[in-house]
């Protein structure tokens, strides 16, 4: 692993990829958290119970 870290330290401008990756992760985390928080309780219950229903016909998540 030391070889990889030495190689990456010697590449100029590699830090931008770390920053971009972190920004993408944080942005997606915030968007998914907000979307989950704003989800109606009925839809959350359907998703929660669908795990136990073994995919019976008619048990679909409304769009």
N, C-alpha and C. Protein backbone atom coordinates (compact mmCIF):
# COMPACT_ATOMS: atom_id res chain seq x y z
N UNK A 1 0.83 -1.19 0.00
CA UNK A 1 0.00 0.00 0.00
C UNK A 1 0.87 1.25 0.00
N UNK A 2 2.06 1.14 0.52
CA UNK A 2 2.96 2.28 0.56
C UNK A 2 3.33 2.73 -0.84
N UNK A 3 3.46 1.78 -1.78
CA UNK A 3 3.80 2.13 -3.16
C UNK A 3 2.70 2.98 -3.77
N UNK A 4 1.44 2.59 -3.52
CA UNK A 4 0.31 3.32 -4.08
C UNK A 4 0.25 4.73 -3.51
N UNK A 5 0.40 4.86 -2.20
CA UNK A 5 0.34 6.21 -1.62
C UNK A 5 1.49 7.07 -2.07
N UNK A 6 2.68 6.51 -2.24
CA UNK A 6 3.80 7.29 -2.76
C UNK A 6 3.54 7.73 -4.19
N UNK A 7 2.96 6.85 -4.99
CA UNK A 7 2.66 7.18 -6.38
C UNK A 7 1.62 8.29 -6.46
N UNK A 8 0.57 8.19 -5.65
CA UNK A 8 -0.49 9.20 -5.67
C UNK A 8 -0.01 10.54 -5.13
N UNK A 9 0.92 10.54 -4.18
CA UNK A 9 1.45 11.80 -3.66
C UNK A 9 2.28 12.53 -4.70
N UNK A 10 2.89 11.79 -5.62
CA UNK A 10 3.75 12.41 -6.62
C UNK A 10 3.00 12.95 -7.83
N UNK A 11 1.74 12.62 -7.99
CA UNK A 11 0.96 13.12 -9.13
C UNK A 11 0.43 14.50 -8.78
N UNK A 12 0.73 15.46 -9.60
CA UNK A 12 0.27 16.83 -9.34
C UNK A 12 -1.19 16.96 -9.75
N UNK A 13 -1.95 17.67 -8.93
CA UNK A 13 -3.35 17.91 -9.24
C UNK A 13 -4.28 16.77 -8.86
N UNK A 14 -3.79 15.75 -8.19
CA UNK A 14 -4.63 14.60 -7.82
C UNK A 14 -5.61 14.97 -6.71
N UNK A 15 -5.33 16.03 -5.96
CA UNK A 15 -6.19 16.41 -4.84
C UNK A 15 -7.59 16.78 -5.31
N UNK A 16 -7.72 17.28 -6.54
CA UNK A 16 -9.04 17.69 -7.04
C UNK A 16 -9.98 16.49 -7.11
N UNK A 17 -9.45 15.30 -7.40
CA UNK A 17 -10.30 14.11 -7.46
C UNK A 17 -10.82 13.73 -6.08
N UNK A 18 -10.02 13.91 -5.06
CA UNK A 18 -10.48 13.66 -3.69
C UNK A 18 -11.59 14.64 -3.32
N UNK A 19 -11.42 15.89 -3.67
CA UNK A 19 -12.41 16.92 -3.35
C UNK A 19 -13.70 16.66 -4.10
N UNK A 20 -13.62 16.36 -5.39
CA UNK A 20 -14.81 16.10 -6.20
C UNK A 20 -15.54 14.86 -5.68
N UNK A 21 -14.82 13.82 -5.36
CA UNK A 21 -15.45 12.61 -4.82
C UNK A 21 -16.16 12.87 -3.51
N UNK A 22 -15.54 13.65 -2.64
CA UNK A 22 -16.16 13.98 -1.37
C UNK A 22 -17.40 14.84 -1.57
N UNK A 23 -17.35 15.80 -2.48
CA UNK A 23 -18.51 16.64 -2.76
C UNK A 23 -19.66 15.82 -3.33
N UNK A 24 -19.37 14.88 -4.22
CA UNK A 24 -20.42 14.02 -4.77
C UNK A 24 -21.06 13.20 -3.66
N UNK A 25 -20.24 12.61 -2.80
CA UNK A 25 -20.77 11.80 -1.70
C UNK A 25 -21.65 12.63 -0.77
N UNK A 26 -21.18 13.79 -0.36
CA UNK A 26 -21.93 14.62 0.58
C UNK A 26 -23.23 15.08 -0.06
N UNK A 27 -23.19 15.47 -1.34
CA UNK A 27 -24.39 15.93 -2.03
C UNK A 27 -25.43 14.81 -2.11
N UNK A 28 -25.01 13.62 -2.51
CA UNK A 28 -25.95 12.50 -2.60
C UNK A 28 -26.51 12.13 -1.23
N UNK A 29 -25.67 12.17 -0.21
CA UNK A 29 -26.13 11.86 1.14
C UNK A 29 -27.21 12.85 1.58
N UNK A 30 -27.00 14.13 1.33
CA UNK A 30 -27.97 15.14 1.73
C UNK A 30 -29.27 14.99 0.94
N UNK A 31 -29.18 14.76 -0.37
CA UNK A 31 -30.38 14.60 -1.20
C UNK A 31 -31.19 13.40 -0.77
N UNK A 32 -30.54 12.26 -0.56
CA UNK A 32 -31.24 11.05 -0.15
C UNK A 32 -31.84 11.22 1.25
N UNK A 33 -31.14 11.90 2.13
CA UNK A 33 -31.67 12.13 3.48
C UNK A 33 -32.91 13.01 3.43
N UNK A 34 -32.89 14.07 2.64
CA UNK A 34 -34.04 14.96 2.53
C UNK A 34 -35.22 14.24 1.89
N UNK A 35 -34.94 13.46 0.83
CA UNK A 35 -36.02 12.73 0.16
C UNK A 35 -36.65 11.71 1.11
N UNK A 36 -35.85 11.03 1.90
CA UNK A 36 -36.37 10.06 2.86
C UNK A 36 -37.16 10.75 3.96
N UNK A 37 -36.70 11.89 4.42
CA UNK A 37 -37.38 12.61 5.48
C UNK A 37 -38.75 13.12 5.01
N UNK A 38 -38.83 13.53 3.74
CA UNK A 38 -40.07 14.09 3.21
C UNK A 38 -41.04 13.03 2.68
N UNK A 39 -40.64 11.75 2.70
CA UNK A 39 -41.49 10.67 2.21
C UNK A 39 -42.73 10.55 3.09
N UNK A 40 -43.91 10.41 2.45
CA UNK A 40 -45.13 10.22 3.26
C UNK A 40 -45.07 8.93 4.07
N UNK A 41 -45.70 8.95 5.24
CA UNK A 41 -45.68 7.78 6.13
C UNK A 41 -46.31 6.57 5.47
N UNK A 42 -47.35 6.77 4.66
CA UNK A 42 -48.02 5.65 4.01
C UNK A 42 -47.05 4.93 3.06
N UNK A 43 -46.30 5.70 2.30
CA UNK A 43 -45.34 5.10 1.38
C UNK A 43 -44.22 4.39 2.15
N UNK A 44 -43.79 4.95 3.25
CA UNK A 44 -42.76 4.31 4.07
C UNK A 44 -43.28 3.00 4.64
N UNK A 45 -44.55 2.96 5.05
CA UNK A 45 -45.13 1.72 5.57
C UNK A 45 -45.22 0.66 4.49
N UNK A 46 -45.57 1.06 3.27
CA UNK A 46 -45.65 0.10 2.16
C UNK A 46 -44.27 -0.49 1.89
N UNK A 47 -43.25 0.34 1.88
CA UNK A 47 -41.89 -0.16 1.65
C UNK A 47 -41.46 -1.07 2.79
N UNK A 48 -41.76 -0.67 4.02
CA UNK A 48 -41.38 -1.46 5.19
C UNK A 48 -42.05 -2.83 5.16
N UNK A 49 -43.35 -2.87 4.83
CA UNK A 49 -44.09 -4.13 4.84
C UNK A 49 -43.83 -4.98 3.60
N UNK A 50 -43.34 -4.39 2.52
CA UNK A 50 -43.12 -5.15 1.29
C UNK A 50 -42.01 -6.19 1.47
N UNK A 51 -41.14 -5.98 2.41
CA UNK A 51 -40.07 -6.94 2.66
C UNK A 51 -40.65 -8.25 3.18
N UNK A 52 -41.73 -8.17 3.94
CA UNK A 52 -42.31 -9.36 4.55
C UNK A 52 -43.38 -10.03 3.68
N UNK A 53 -43.82 -9.38 2.59
CA UNK A 53 -44.95 -9.88 1.81
C UNK A 53 -44.56 -10.85 0.70
N UNK A 54 -43.33 -11.15 0.49
CA UNK A 54 -42.88 -12.09 -0.54
C UNK A 54 -43.37 -11.75 -1.93
N UNK A 55 -43.43 -10.49 -2.28
CA UNK A 55 -43.79 -10.00 -3.62
C UNK A 55 -45.12 -10.55 -4.12
N UNK A 56 -46.16 -10.47 -3.32
CA UNK A 56 -47.49 -10.89 -3.74
C UNK A 56 -48.00 -9.91 -4.79
N UNK A 57 -48.82 -10.40 -5.74
CA UNK A 57 -49.37 -9.50 -6.77
C UNK A 57 -50.20 -8.39 -6.13
N UNK A 58 -50.08 -7.22 -6.69
CA UNK A 58 -50.83 -6.08 -6.19
C UNK A 58 -50.11 -5.31 -5.10
N UNK A 59 -48.98 -5.79 -4.63
CA UNK A 59 -48.22 -5.09 -3.61
C UNK A 59 -47.10 -4.31 -4.28
N UNK A 60 -47.44 -3.17 -4.80
CA UNK A 60 -46.42 -2.34 -5.45
C UNK A 60 -46.38 -0.98 -4.78
N UNK A 61 -45.28 -0.34 -4.94
CA UNK A 61 -45.09 0.99 -4.35
C UNK A 61 -45.68 2.01 -5.29
N UNK A 62 -46.59 2.86 -4.83
CA UNK A 62 -47.16 3.87 -5.72
C UNK A 62 -46.10 4.91 -6.11
N UNK A 63 -46.17 5.36 -7.34
CA UNK A 63 -45.19 6.34 -7.82
C UNK A 63 -45.62 7.74 -7.51
